[in-house]
Amino acid sequence: MEVNTAPGADRLGVEVCVFHDIWAERDFFGTPHPEVHERNAPRLAAGLRAVEQALGFPGTPGGPTFFGTPYNYGVSAHVGEDGTGVDVSDHL
């Protein structure tokens, strides 16, 4: 996980980035890993809530990347139209 700050004259920008597939429902190869997700997703959610609480305002999810789509307290792996996982490992 990486946290970047960008202080401005009238605001503070904070970006939280994660760089692993343990937060999403599927790995980078598109394979479901529910046990891994169940262990790790709550930790990410708790960390993001703690950042919000410390800063005193809610976060805003960024846009999707090759690896997944962020939402308020987590990240979702990409799923194809047929419901199967998408292999994004070629972007590693």
PDB file of N, CA and C in Angstrom:
ATOM      1  N   MET A   1       0.852  -1.160   0.000  1.00  0.00           N
ATOM      2  CA  MET A   1       0.000   0.000   0.000  1.00  0.00           C
ATOM      3  C   MET A   1       0.899   1.225   0.000  1.00  0.00           C
ATOM      4  N   GLU A   2       0.437   2.243  -0.680  1.00  0.00           N
ATOM      5  CA  GLU A   2       1.178   3.492  -0.765  1.00  0.00           C
ATOM      6  C   GLU A   2       0.208   4.636  -0.503  1.00  0.00           C
ATOM      7  N   VAL A   3       0.628   5.620   0.260  1.00  0.00           N
ATOM      8  CA  VAL A   3      -0.176   6.809   0.529  1.00  0.00           C
ATOM      9  C   VAL A   3       0.616   8.022   0.071  1.00  0.00           C
ATOM     10  N   ASN A   4       0.017   8.809  -0.804  1.00  0.00           N
ATOM     11  CA  ASN A   4       0.649  10.020  -1.309  1.00  0.00           C
ATOM     12  C   ASN A   4      -0.184  11.215  -0.885  1.00  0.00           C
ATOM     13  N   THR A   5       0.470  12.295  -0.543  1.00  0.00           N
ATOM     14  CA  THR A   5      -0.235  13.527  -0.193  1.00  0.00           C
ATOM     15  C   THR A   5       0.180  14.632  -1.146  1.00  0.00           C
ATOM     16  N   ALA A   6      -0.762  15.536  -1.384  1.00  0.00           N
ATOM     17  CA  ALA A   6      -0.499  16.692  -2.233  1.00  0.00           C
ATOM     18  C   ALA A   6      -1.091  17.917  -1.559  1.00  0.00           C
ATOM     19  N   PRO A   7      -0.300  18.588  -0.707  1.00  0.00           N
ATOM     20  CA  PRO A   7      -0.825  19.778  -0.033  1.00  0.00           C
ATOM     21  C   PRO A   7      -0.963  20.945  -1.006  1.00  0.00           C
ATOM     22  N   GLY A   8      -2.079  21.645  -0.879  1.00  0.00           N
ATOM     23  CA  GLY A   8      -2.319  22.836  -1.689  1.00  0.00           C
ATOM     24  C   GLY A   8      -2.612  24.012  -0.790  1.00  0.00           C
ATOM     25  N   ALA A   9      -2.777  25.167  -1.371  1.00  0.00           N
ATOM     26  CA  ALA A   9      -3.031  26.381  -0.596  1.00  0.00           C
ATOM     27  C   ALA A   9      -4.351  26.295   0.169  1.00  0.00           C
ATOM     28  N   ASP A  10      -5.355  25.667  -0.435  1.00  0.00           N
ATOM     29  CA  ASP A  10      -6.667  25.619   0.203  1.00  0.00           C
ATOM     30  C   ASP A  10      -7.229  24.214   0.370  1.00  0.00           C
ATOM     31  N   ARG A  11      -6.421  23.199   0.110  1.00  0.00           N
ATOM     32  CA  ARG A  11      -6.903  21.827   0.268  1.00  0.00           C
ATOM     33  C   ARG A  11      -5.736  20.864   0.377  1.00  0.00           C
ATOM     34  N   LEU A  12      -6.049  19.666   0.810  1.00  0.00           N
ATOM     35  CA  LEU A  12      -5.055  18.596   0.905  1.00  0.00           C
ATOM     36  C   LEU A  12      -5.565  17.410   0.096  1.00  0.00           C
ATOM     37  N   GLY A  13      -4.776  16.937  -0.825  1.00  0.00           N
ATOM     38  CA  GLY A  13      -5.121  15.741  -1.585  1.00  0.00           C
ATOM     39  C   GLY A  13      -4.376  14.549  -1.012  1.00  0.00           C
ATOM     40  N   VAL A  14      -5.084  13.438  -0.844  1.00  0.00           N
ATOM     41  CA  VAL A  14      -4.488  12.203  -0.341  1.00  0.00           C
ATOM     42  C   VAL A  14      -4.887  11.077  -1.277  1.00  0.00           C
ATOM     43  N   GLU A  15      -3.908  10.321  -1.723  1.00  0.00           N
ATOM     44  CA  GLU A  15      -4.163   9.181  -2.608  1.00  0.00           C
ATOM     45  C   GLU A  15      -3.645   7.923  -1.926  1.00  0.00           C
ATOM     46  N   VAL A  16      -4.496   6.903  -1.853  1.00  0.00           N
ATOM     47  CA  VAL A  16      -4.110   5.613  -1.292  1.00  0.00           C
ATOM     48  C   VAL A  16      -4.105   4.613  -2.439  1.00  0.00           C
ATOM     49  N   CYS A  17      -2.987   3.925  -2.633  1.00  0.00           N
ATOM     50  CA  CYS A  17      -2.851   2.957  -3.723  1.00  0.00           C
ATOM     51  C   CYS A  17      -2.506   1.586  -3.158  1.00  0.00           C
ATOM     52  N   VAL A  18      -3.065   0.560  -3.763  1.00  0.00           N
ATOM     53  CA  VAL A  18      -2.694  -0.812  -3.411  1.00  0.00           C
ATOM     54  C   VAL A  18      -2.157  -1.485  -4.664  1.00  0.00           C
ATOM     55  N   PHE A  19      -1.202  -2.385  -4.484  1.00  0.00           N
ATOM     56  CA  PHE A  19      -0.513  -2.979  -5.612  1.00  0.00           C
ATOM     57  C   PHE A  19      -0.485  -4.499  -5.545  1.00  0.00           C
ATOM     58  N   HIS A  20      -1.561  -5.101  -5.086  1.00  0.00           N
ATOM     59  CA  HIS A  20      -1.586  -6.553  -4.978  1.00  0.00           C
ATOM     60  C   HIS A  20      -2.990  -7.047  -5.197  1.00  0.00           C
ATOM     61  N   ASP A  21      -3.124  -8.298  -5.582  1.00  0.00           N
ATOM     62  CA  ASP A  21      -4.441  -8.873  -5.855  1.00  0.00           C
ATOM     63  C   ASP A  21      -5.123  -9.438  -4.609  1.00  0.00           C
ATOM     64  N   ILE A  22      -4.530  -9.312  -3.440  1.00  0.00           N
ATOM     65  CA  ILE A  22      -5.120  -9.899  -2.234  1.00  0.00           C
ATOM     66  C   ILE A  22      -6.350  -9.154  -1.754  1.00  0.00           C
ATOM     67  N   TRP A  23      -6.596  -7.965  -2.278  1.00  0.00           N
ATOM     68  CA  TRP A  23      -7.731  -7.162  -1.827  1.00  0.00           C
ATOM     69  C   TRP A  23      -9.003  -7.491  -2.603  1.00  0.00           C
ATOM     70  N   ALA A  24      -8.894  -8.014  -3.796  1.00  0.00           N
ATOM     71  CA  ALA A  24     -10.039  -8.265  -4.672  1.00  0.00           C
ATOM     72  C   ALA A  24     -10.505  -9.718  -4.585  1.00  0.00           C
ATOM     73  N   GLU A  25     -11.645  -9.971  -5.200  1.00  0.00           N
ATOM     74  CA  GLU A  25     -12.252 -11.305  -5.168  1.00  0.00           C
ATOM     75  C   GLU A  25     -11.501 -12.314  -6.042  1.00  0.00           C
ATOM     76  N   ARG A  26     -10.715 -11.820  -6.976  1.00  0.00           N
ATOM     77  CA  ARG A  26      -9.974 -12.677  -7.912  1.00  0.00           C
ATOM     78  C   ARG A  26      -8.517 -12.234  -7.964  1.00  0.00           C
ATOM     79  N   ASP A  27      -7.643 -13.164  -8.309  1.00  0.00           N
ATOM     80  CA  ASP A  27      -6.239 -12.799  -8.463  1.00  0.00           C
ATOM     81  C   ASP A  27      -6.012 -12.169  -9.830  1.00  0.00           C
ATOM     82  N   PHE A  28      -4.770 -11.789 -10.134  1.00  0.00           N
ATOM     83  CA  PHE A  28      -4.475 -11.125 -11.398  1.00  0.00           C
ATOM     84  C   PHE A  28      -4.646 -12.044 -12.606  1.00  0.00           C
ATOM     85  N   PHE A  29      -4.794 -13.336 -12.371  1.00  0.00           N
ATOM     86  CA  PHE A  29      -5.019 -14.279 -13.456  1.00  0.00           C
ATOM     87  C   PHE A  29      -6.508 -14.528 -13.687  1.00  0.00           C
ATOM     88  N   GLY A  30      -7.354 -13.882 -12.872  1.00  0.00           N
ATOM     89  CA  GLY A  30      -8.799 -14.029 -13.003  1.00  0.00           C
ATOM     90  C   GLY A  30      -9.380 -15.176 -12.212  1.00  0.00           C
ATOM     91  N   THR A  31      -8.554 -15.834 -11.415  1.00  0.00           N
ATOM     92  CA  THR A  31      -8.987 -16.981 -10.630  1.00  0.00           C
ATOM     93  C   THR A  31      -9.581 -16.512  -9.297  1.00  0.00           C
ATOM     94  N   PRO A  32     -10.790 -16.974  -8.961  1.00  0.00           N
ATOM     95  CA  PRO A  32     -11.357 -16.588  -7.661  1.00  0.00           C
ATOM     96  C   PRO A  32     -10.470 -17.066  -6.512  1.00  0.00           C
ATOM     97  N   HIS A  33     -10.333 -16.255  -5.493  1.00  0.00           N
ATOM     98  CA  HIS A  33      -9.619 -16.648  -4.269  1.00  0.00           C
ATOM     99  C   HIS A  33     -10.383 -16.078  -3.065  1.00  0.00           C
ATOM    100  N   PRO A  34     -11.549 -16.669  -2.787  1.00  0.00           N
ATOM    101  CA  PRO A  34     -12.416 -16.132  -1.730  1.00  0.00           C
ATOM    102  C   PRO A  34     -11.778 -16.118  -0.347  1.00  0.00           C
ATOM    103  N   GLU A  35     -10.981 -17.112  -0.016  1.00  0.00           N
ATOM    104  CA  GLU A  35     -10.362 -17.147   1.314  1.00  0.00           C
ATOM    105  C   GLU A  35      -9.383 -15.990   1.485  1.00  0.00           C
ATOM    106  N   VAL A  36      -8.617 -15.718   0.441  1.00  0.00           N
ATOM    107  CA  VAL A  36      -7.650 -14.617   0.484  1.00  0.00           C
ATOM    108  C   VAL A  36      -8.393 -13.290   0.604  1.00  0.00           C
ATOM    109  N   HIS A  37      -9.430 -13.126  -0.197  1.00  0.00           N
ATOM    110  CA  HIS A  37     -10.235 -11.898  -0.169  1.00  0.00           C
ATOM    111  C   HIS A  37     -10.891 -11.700   1.198  1.00  0.00           C
ATOM    112  N   GLU A  38     -11.457 -12.747   1.746  1.00  0.00           N
ATOM    113  CA  GLU A  38     -12.138 -12.648   3.048  1.00  0.00           C
ATOM    114  C   GLU A  38     -11.183 -12.250   4.175  1.00  0.00           C
ATOM    115  N   ARG A  39      -9.918 -12.681   4.077  1.00  0.00           N
ATOM    116  CA  ARG A  39      -8.932 -12.324   5.105  1.00  0.00           C
ATOM    117  C   ARG A  39      -8.428 -10.898   4.951  1.00  0.00           C
ATOM    118  N   ASN A  40      -8.309 -10.423   3.726  1.00  0.00           N
ATOM    119  CA  ASN A  40      -7.627  -9.169   3.484  1.00  0.00           C
ATOM    120  C   ASN A  40      -8.525  -7.965   3.211  1.00  0.00           C
ATOM    121  N   ALA A  41      -9.655  -8.155   2.555  1.00  0.00           N
ATOM    122  CA  ALA A  41     -10.528  -7.024   2.216  1.00  0.00           C
ATOM    123  C   ALA A  41     -10.954  -6.227   3.454  1.00  0.00           C
ATOM    124  N   PRO A  42     -11.296  -6.881   4.579  1.00  0.00           N
ATOM    125  CA  PRO A  42     -11.661  -6.095   5.768  1.00  0.00           C
ATOM    126  C   PRO A  42     -10.516  -5.216   6.282  1.00  0.00           C
ATOM    127  N   ARG A  43      -9.286  -5.667   6.115  1.00  0.00           N
ATOM    128  CA  ARG A  43      -8.138  -4.858   6.547  1.00  0.00           C
ATOM    129  C   ARG A  43      -8.010  -3.596   5.706  1.00  0.00           C
ATOM    130  N   LEU A  44      -8.206  -3.743   4.383  1.00  0.00           N
ATOM    131  CA  LEU A  44      -8.156  -2.581   3.502  1.00  0.00           C
ATOM    132  C   LEU A  44      -9.284  -1.614   3.851  1.00  0.00           C
ATOM    133  N   ALA A  45     -10.493  -2.135   4.025  1.00  0.00           N
ATOM    134  CA  ALA A  45     -11.644  -1.285   4.372  1.00  0.00           C
ATOM    135  C   ALA A  45     -11.388  -0.536   5.677  1.00  0.00           C
ATOM    136  N   ALA A  46     -10.859  -1.214   6.676  1.00  0.00           N
ATOM    137  CA  ALA A  46     -10.580  -0.577   7.963  1.00  0.00           C
ATOM    138  C   ALA A  46      -9.525   0.521   7.806  1.00  0.00           C
ATOM    139  N   GLY A  47      -8.506   0.262   7.007  1.00  0.00           N
ATOM    140  CA  GLY A  47      -7.469   1.263   6.773  1.00  0.00           C
ATOM    141  C   GLY A  47      -8.011   2.496   6.068  1.00  0.00           C
ATOM    142  N   LEU A  48      -8.859   2.283   5.075  1.00  0.00           N
ATOM    143  CA  LEU A  48      -9.437   3.421   4.357  1.00  0.00           C
ATOM    144  C   LEU A  48     -10.386   4.220   5.246  1.00  0.00           C
ATOM    145  N   ARG A  49     -11.154   3.529   6.075  1.00  0.00           N
ATOM    146  CA  ARG A  49     -12.040   4.230   7.016  1.00  0.00           C
ATOM    147  C   ARG A  49     -11.209   5.039   8.031  1.00  0.00           C
ATOM    148  N   ALA A  50     -10.092   4.476   8.461  1.00  0.00           N
ATOM    149  CA  ALA A  50      -9.227   5.182   9.409  1.00  0.00           C
ATOM    150  C   ALA A  50      -8.649   6.449   8.781  1.00  0.00           C
ATOM    151  N   VAL A  51      -8.276   6.384   7.513  1.00  0.00           N
ATOM    152  CA  VAL A  51      -7.772   7.569   6.824  1.00  0.00           C
ATOM    153  C   VAL A  51      -8.872   8.626   6.757  1.00  0.00           C
ATOM    154  N   GLU A  52     -10.078   8.211   6.399  1.00  0.00           N
ATOM    155  CA  GLU A  52     -11.198   9.160   6.355  1.00  0.00           C
ATOM    156  C   GLU A  52     -11.441   9.807   7.720  1.00  0.00           C
ATOM    157  N   GLN A  53     -11.432   8.976   8.736  1.00  0.00           N
ATOM    158  CA  GLN A  53     -11.679   9.491  10.088  1.00  0.00           C
ATOM    159  C   GLN A  53     -10.586  10.478  10.506  1.00  0.00           C
ATOM    160  N   ALA A  54      -9.347  10.145  10.218  1.00  0.00           N
ATOM    161  CA  ALA A  54      -8.241  11.023  10.598  1.00  0.00           C
ATOM    162  C   ALA A  54      -8.300  12.353   9.856  1.00  0.00           C
ATOM    163  N   LEU A  55      -8.727  12.314   8.594  1.00  0.00           N
ATOM    164  CA  LEU A  55      -8.779  13.543   7.805  1.00  0.00           C
ATOM    165  C   LEU A  55     -10.075  14.318   8.019  1.00  0.00           C
ATOM    166  N   GLY A  56     -11.108  13.622   8.485  1.00  0.00           N
ATOM    167  CA  GLY A  56     -12.371  14.299   8.758  1.00  0.00           C
ATOM    168  C   GLY A  56     -13.270  14.501   7.560  1.00  0.00           C
ATOM    169  N   PHE A  57     -13.026  13.769   6.487  1.00  0.00           N
ATOM    170  CA  PHE A  57     -13.915  13.855   5.336  1.00  0.00           C
ATOM    171  C   PHE A  57     -13.864  12.546   4.555  1.00  0.00           C
ATOM    172  N   PRO A  58     -14.946  12.240   3.815  1.00  0.00           N
ATOM    173  CA  PRO A  58     -14.995  10.972   3.096  1.00  0.00           C
ATOM    174  C   PRO A  58     -14.083  10.974   1.866  1.00  0.00           C
ATOM    175  N   GLY A  59     -13.614   9.794   1.523  1.00  0.00           N
ATOM    176  CA  GLY A  59     -12.797   9.641   0.337  1.00  0.00           C
ATOM    177  C   GLY A  59     -13.652   9.504  -0.913  1.00  0.00           C
ATOM    178  N   THR A  60     -13.005   9.632  -2.045  1.00  0.00           N
ATOM    179  CA  THR A  60     -13.652   9.457  -3.340  1.00  0.00           C
ATOM    180  C   THR A  60     -12.839   8.444  -4.126  1.00  0.00           C
ATOM    181  N   PRO A  61     -13.450   7.326  -4.519  1.00  0.00           N
ATOM    182  CA  PRO A  61     -12.694   6.327  -5.279  1.00  0.00           C
ATOM    183  C   PRO A  61     -12.196   6.893  -6.610  1.00  0.00           C
ATOM    184  N   GLY A  62     -11.029   6.453  -6.999  1.00  0.00           N
ATOM    185  CA  GLY A  62     -10.495   6.830  -8.298  1.00  0.00           C
ATOM    186  C   GLY A  62     -11.121   5.994  -9.395  1.00  0.00           C
ATOM    187  N   GLY A  63     -10.603   6.126 -10.582  1.00  0.00           N
ATOM    188  CA  GLY A  63     -11.134   5.383 -11.717  1.00  0.00           C
ATOM    189  C   GLY A  63     -10.531   3.998 -11.821  1.00  0.00           C
ATOM    190  N   PRO A  64     -11.105   3.177 -12.692  1.00  0.00           N
ATOM    191  CA  PRO A  64     -10.588   1.821 -12.880  1.00  0.00           C
ATOM    192  C   PRO A  64      -9.194   1.838 -13.500  1.00  0.00           C
ATOM    193  N   THR A  65      -8.449   0.773 -13.220  1.00  0.00           N
ATOM    194  CA  THR A  65      -7.132   0.559 -13.818  1.00  0.00           C
ATOM    195  C   THR A  65      -7.173  -0.779 -14.543  1.00  0.00           C
ATOM    196  N   PHE A  66      -6.048  -1.192 -15.095  1.00  0.00           N
ATOM    197  CA  PHE A  66      -5.969  -2.516 -15.714  1.00  0.00           C
ATOM    198  C   PHE A  66      -6.315  -3.613 -14.709  1.00  0.00           C
ATOM    199  N   PHE A  67      -6.022  -3.362 -13.437  1.00  0.00           N
ATOM    200  CA  PHE A  67      -6.089  -4.414 -12.428  1.00  0.00           C
ATOM    201  C   PHE A  67      -7.407  -4.490 -11.670  1.00  0.00           C
ATOM    202  N   GLY A  68      -8.197  -3.454 -11.669  1.00  0.00           N
ATOM    203  CA  GLY A  68      -9.452  -3.502 -10.943  1.00  0.00           C
ATOM    204  C   GLY A  68     -10.118  -2.145 -10.875  1.00  0.00           C
ATOM    205  N   THR A  69     -11.266  -2.134 -10.211  1.00  0.00           N
ATOM    206  CA  THR A  69     -12.042  -0.911 -10.058  1.00  0.00           C
ATOM    207  C   THR A  69     -12.207  -0.612  -8.572  1.00  0.00           C
ATOM    208  N   PRO A  70     -11.740   0.539  -8.136  1.00  0.00           N
ATOM    209  CA  PRO A  70     -11.888   0.887  -6.719  1.00  0.00           C
ATOM    210  C   PRO A  70     -13.327   1.284  -6.400  1.00  0.00           C
ATOM    211  N   TYR A  71     -13.717   1.030  -5.173  1.00  0.00           N
ATOM    212  CA  TYR A  71     -14.967   1.552  -4.640  1.00  0.00           C
ATOM    213  C   TYR A  71     -14.643   2.091  -3.256  1.00  0.00           C
ATOM    214  N   ASN A  72     -15.606   2.641  -2.545  1.00  0.00           N
ATOM    215  CA  ASN A  72     -15.298   3.384  -1.313  1.00  0.00           C
ATOM    216  C   ASN A  72     -14.345   2.670  -0.367  1.00  0.00           C
ATOM    217  N   TYR A  73     -14.514   1.397  -0.124  1.00  0.00           N
ATOM    218  CA  TYR A  73     -13.674   0.721   0.874  1.00  0.00           C
ATOM    219  C   TYR A  73     -13.043  -0.553   0.344  1.00  0.00           C
ATOM    220  N   GLY A  74     -12.744  -0.587  -0.941  1.00  0.00           N
ATOM    221  CA  GLY A  74     -12.118  -1.773  -1.493  1.00  0.00           C
ATOM    222  C   GLY A  74     -11.860  -1.644  -2.978  1.00  0.00           C
ATOM    223  N   VAL A  75     -11.589  -2.791  -3.591  1.00  0.00           N
ATOM    224  CA  VAL A  75     -11.330  -2.859  -5.025  1.00  0.00           C
ATOM    225  C   VAL A  75     -11.934  -4.150  -5.562  1.00  0.00           C
ATOM    226  N   SER A  76     -12.547  -4.071  -6.737  1.00  0.00           N
ATOM    227  CA  SER A  76     -13.130  -5.242  -7.385  1.00  0.00           C
ATOM    228  C   SER A  76     -12.292  -5.620  -8.593  1.00  0.00           C
ATOM    229  N   ALA A  77     -12.062  -6.911  -8.740  1.00  0.00           N
ATOM    230  CA  ALA A  77     -11.358  -7.412  -9.913  1.00  0.00           C
ATOM    231  C   ALA A  77     -12.291  -7.346 -11.122  1.00  0.00           C
ATOM    232  N   HIS A  78     -11.721  -7.240 -12.294  1.00  0.00           N
ATOM    233  CA  HIS A  78     -12.521  -7.208 -13.520  1.00  0.00           C
ATOM    234  C   HIS A  78     -13.120  -8.583 -13.801  1.00  0.00           C
ATOM    235  N   VAL A  79     -14.346  -8.564 -14.285  1.00  0.00           N
ATOM    236  CA  VAL A  79     -15.049  -9.787 -14.654  1.00  0.00           C
ATOM    237  C   VAL A  79     -15.531  -9.616 -16.091  1.00  0.00           C
ATOM    238  N   GLY A  80     -15.355 -10.654 -16.892  1.00  0.00           N
ATOM    239  CA  GLY A  80     -15.783 -10.607 -18.284  1.00  0.00           C
ATOM    240  C   GLY A  80     -17.296 -10.671 -18.427  1.00  0.00           C
ATOM    241  N   GLU A  81     -17.776 -10.452 -19.636  1.00  0.00           N
ATOM    242  CA  GLU A  81     -19.215 -10.477 -19.906  1.00  0.00           C
ATOM    243  C   GLU A  81     -19.834 -11.827 -19.573  1.00  0.00           C
ATOM    244  N   ASP A  82     -19.038 -12.886 -19.651  1.00  0.00           N
ATOM    245  CA  ASP A  82     -19.550 -14.231 -19.354  1.00  0.00           C
ATOM    246  C   ASP A  82     -19.482 -14.570 -17.869  1.00  0.00           C
ATOM    247  N   GLY A  83     -19.031 -13.612 -17.042  1.00  0.00           N
ATOM    248  CA  GLY A  83     -18.972 -13.821 -15.599  1.00  0.00           C
ATOM    249  C   GLY A  83     -17.684 -14.432 -15.092  1.00  0.00           C
ATOM    250  N   THR A  84     -16.774 -14.761 -15.986  1.00  0.00           N
ATOM    251  CA  THR A  84     -15.495 -15.318 -15.554  1.00  0.00           C
ATOM    252  C   THR A  84     -14.495 -14.184 -15.326  1.00  0.00           C
ATOM    253  N   GLY A  85     -13.470 -14.481 -14.560  1.00  0.00           N
ATOM    254  CA  GLY A  85     -12.447 -13.494 -14.270  1.00  0.00           C
ATOM    255  C   GLY A  85     -11.620 -13.146 -15.486  1.00  0.00           C
ATOM    256  N   VAL A  86     -11.069 -11.957 -15.472  1.00  0.00           N
ATOM    257  CA  VAL A  86     -10.225 -11.476 -16.564  1.00  0.00           C
ATOM    258  C   VAL A  86      -8.772 -11.596 -16.136  1.00  0.00           C
ATOM    259  N   ASP A  87      -7.956 -12.215 -16.994  1.00  0.00           N
ATOM    260  CA  ASP A  87      -6.529 -12.346 -16.729  1.00  0.00           C
ATOM    261  C   ASP A  87      -5.851 -11.025 -17.104  1.00  0.00           C
ATOM    262  N   VAL A  88      -5.356 -10.322 -16.087  1.00  0.00           N
ATOM    263  CA  VAL A  88      -4.670  -9.043 -16.305  1.00  0.00           C
ATOM    264  C   VAL A  88      -3.176  -9.166 -16.027  1.00  0.00           C
ATOM    265  N   SER A  89      -2.693 -10.397 -15.898  1.00  0.00           N
ATOM    266  CA  SER A  89      -1.300 -10.624 -15.513  1.00  0.00           C
ATOM    267  C   SER A  89      -0.307 -10.081 -16.541  1.00  0.00           C
ATOM    268  N   ASP A  90      -0.734  -9.875 -17.782  1.00  0.00           N
ATOM    269  CA  ASP A  90       0.185  -9.329 -18.787  1.00  0.00           C
ATOM    270  C   ASP A  90       0.505  -7.861 -18.522  1.00  0.00           C
ATOM    271  N   HIS A  91      -0.192  -7.238 -17.585  1.00  0.00           N
ATOM    272  CA  HIS A  91       0.076  -5.846 -17.224  1.00  0.00           C
ATOM    273  C   HIS A  91       0.984  -5.715 -16.005  1.00  0.00           C
ATOM    274  N   LEU A  92       1.419  -6.844 -15.446  1.00  0.00           N
ATOM    275  CA  LEU A  92       2.285  -6.790 -14.264  1.00  0.00           C
ATOM    276  C   LEU A  92       3.675  -6.312 -14.629  1.00  0.00           C
TER     277      LEU A  92
END
